[in-house]
Structure formats: C-alpha cells, structure tokens
Amino acid sequence: MWSKDEKGIRGSYGRMAYLEDLETAIKIVADWTSRKSSPTELFMAFWDKNEELGYGHKD
C-alpha cells in the first residue's frame, strides 16, 4: 500500500496527525461553536494557534 524508503521506513502522509494536535483542533472548534462565532473567527483561531506554535504562513 505505502512504499518504504531505502532504509525500510514508511513516511507519513497528509491524513496522519498526532492525537494531541487533533485534540487541540477539537478544542478550538468546540470553543468556536459554543460562542456561535463566524467562519472568519474560526479561521483566525487556527491562525493564532499556528502563530503560537511558530508555524509560518503563506503570503
């Protein structure tokens, strides 16, 4: 199904994530829904979390 590299290691792909990251995302969405916010505010909540974690943004 997935290919391994020359060392026998199978890399990850886009649908794989750490449970801690998923829990953080669920908390952001749960908070957003409880406040009945706009989609823009959800986007900004994830933007702010990415900033906090030091992830870059595309211009």
C-alpha atoms as a PDB file:
ATOM      1  CA  MET A   1       0.000   0.000   0.000  1.00  0.00           C
ATOM      2  CA  TRP A   2       2.583   2.603   1.092  1.00  0.00           C
ATOM      3  CA  SER A   3       6.134   2.381  -0.070  1.00  0.00           C
ATOM      4  CA  LYS A   4       9.147   2.337   2.187  1.00  0.00           C
ATOM      5  CA  ASP A   5      12.383   4.205   1.606  1.00  0.00           C
ATOM      6  CA  GLU A   6      15.770   2.550   1.174  1.00  0.00           C
ATOM      7  CA  LYS A   7      16.093   2.193   4.981  1.00  0.00           C
ATOM      8  CA  GLY A   8      12.732   0.423   5.240  1.00  0.00           C
ATOM      9  CA  ILE A   9      10.989   3.438   6.803  1.00  0.00           C
ATOM     10  CA  ARG A  10       7.486   4.308   5.690  1.00  0.00           C
ATOM     11  CA  GLY A  11       6.883   8.049   5.802  1.00  0.00           C
ATOM     12  CA  SER A  12       3.680   9.778   6.794  1.00  0.00           C
ATOM     13  CA  TYR A  13       1.198  11.485   4.547  1.00  0.00           C
ATOM     14  CA  GLY A  14      -1.306  14.352   4.877  1.00  0.00           C
ATOM     15  CA  ARG A  15      -4.023  12.436   6.727  1.00  0.00           C
ATOM     16  CA  MET A  16      -1.729  11.348   9.566  1.00  0.00           C
ATOM     17  CA  ALA A  17      -1.650  13.525  12.680  1.00  0.00           C
ATOM     18  CA  TYR A  18      -0.727  13.303  16.329  1.00  0.00           C
ATOM     19  CA  LEU A  19      -3.591  12.791  18.770  1.00  0.00           C
ATOM     20  CA  GLU A  20      -2.533  15.858  20.767  1.00  0.00           C
ATOM     21  CA  ASP A  21      -2.832  18.007  17.632  1.00  0.00           C
ATOM     22  CA  LEU A  22      -6.300  16.628  16.909  1.00  0.00           C
ATOM     23  CA  GLU A  23      -7.398  17.315  20.481  1.00  0.00           C
ATOM     24  CA  THR A  24      -6.205  20.909  20.154  1.00  0.00           C
ATOM     25  CA  ALA A  25      -8.142  21.312  16.909  1.00  0.00           C
ATOM     26  CA  ILE A  26     -11.279  19.851  18.502  1.00  0.00           C
ATOM     27  CA  LYS A  27     -10.981  22.275  21.418  1.00  0.00           C
ATOM     28  CA  ILE A  28     -10.662  25.230  19.017  1.00  0.00           C
ATOM     29  CA  VAL A  29     -13.742  24.139  17.062  1.00  0.00           C
ATOM     30  CA  ALA A  30     -15.738  23.384  20.232  1.00  0.00           C
ATOM     31  CA  ASP A  31     -14.951  26.825  21.626  1.00  0.00           C
ATOM     32  CA  TRP A  32     -15.879  28.409  18.303  1.00  0.00           C
ATOM     33  CA  THR A  33     -19.242  26.622  18.150  1.00  0.00           C
ATOM     34  CA  SER A  34     -20.091  27.427  21.768  1.00  0.00           C
ATOM     35  CA  ARG A  35     -19.597  31.150  21.046  1.00  0.00           C
ATOM     36  CA  LYS A  36     -21.632  30.973  17.802  1.00  0.00           C
ATOM     37  CA  SER A  37     -18.854  32.795  16.001  1.00  0.00           C
ATOM     38  CA  SER A  38     -18.361  33.432  12.292  1.00  0.00           C
ATOM     39  CA  PRO A  39     -16.252  31.240   9.985  1.00  0.00           C
ATOM     40  CA  THR A  40     -13.715  34.058   9.905  1.00  0.00           C
ATOM     41  CA  GLU A  41     -13.270  33.792  13.665  1.00  0.00           C
ATOM     42  CA  LEU A  42     -12.637  30.044  13.335  1.00  0.00           C
ATOM     43  CA  PHE A  43     -10.011  30.760  10.685  1.00  0.00           C
ATOM     44  CA  MET A  44      -8.386  33.344  12.955  1.00  0.00           C
ATOM     45  CA  ALA A  45      -8.426  30.938  15.925  1.00  0.00           C
ATOM     46  CA  PHE A  46      -6.402  28.439  13.882  1.00  0.00           C
ATOM     47  CA  TRP A  47      -4.210  31.256  12.522  1.00  0.00           C
ATOM     48  CA  ASP A  48      -3.442  32.383  16.082  1.00  0.00           C
ATOM     49  CA  LYS A  49      -2.690  28.802  17.203  1.00  0.00           C
ATOM     50  CA  ASN A  50      -0.282  28.396  14.279  1.00  0.00           C
ATOM     51  CA  GLU A  51       1.412  31.673  15.249  1.00  0.00           C
ATOM     52  CA  GLU A  52       1.681  30.453  18.856  1.00  0.00           C
ATOM     53  CA  LEU A  53       3.309  27.213  17.675  1.00  0.00           C
ATOM     54  CA  GLY A  54       5.731  29.037  15.388  1.00  0.00           C
ATOM     55  CA  TYR A  55       4.325  27.788  12.076  1.00  0.00           C
ATOM     56  CA  GLY A  56       4.764  30.093   9.109  1.00  0.00           C
ATOM     57  CA  HIS A  57       2.073  31.462   6.827  1.00  0.00           C
ATOM     58  CA  LYS A  58       1.999  31.833   3.071  1.00  0.00           C
ATOM     59  CA  ASP A  59       1.718  35.399   1.858  1.00  0.00           C
END
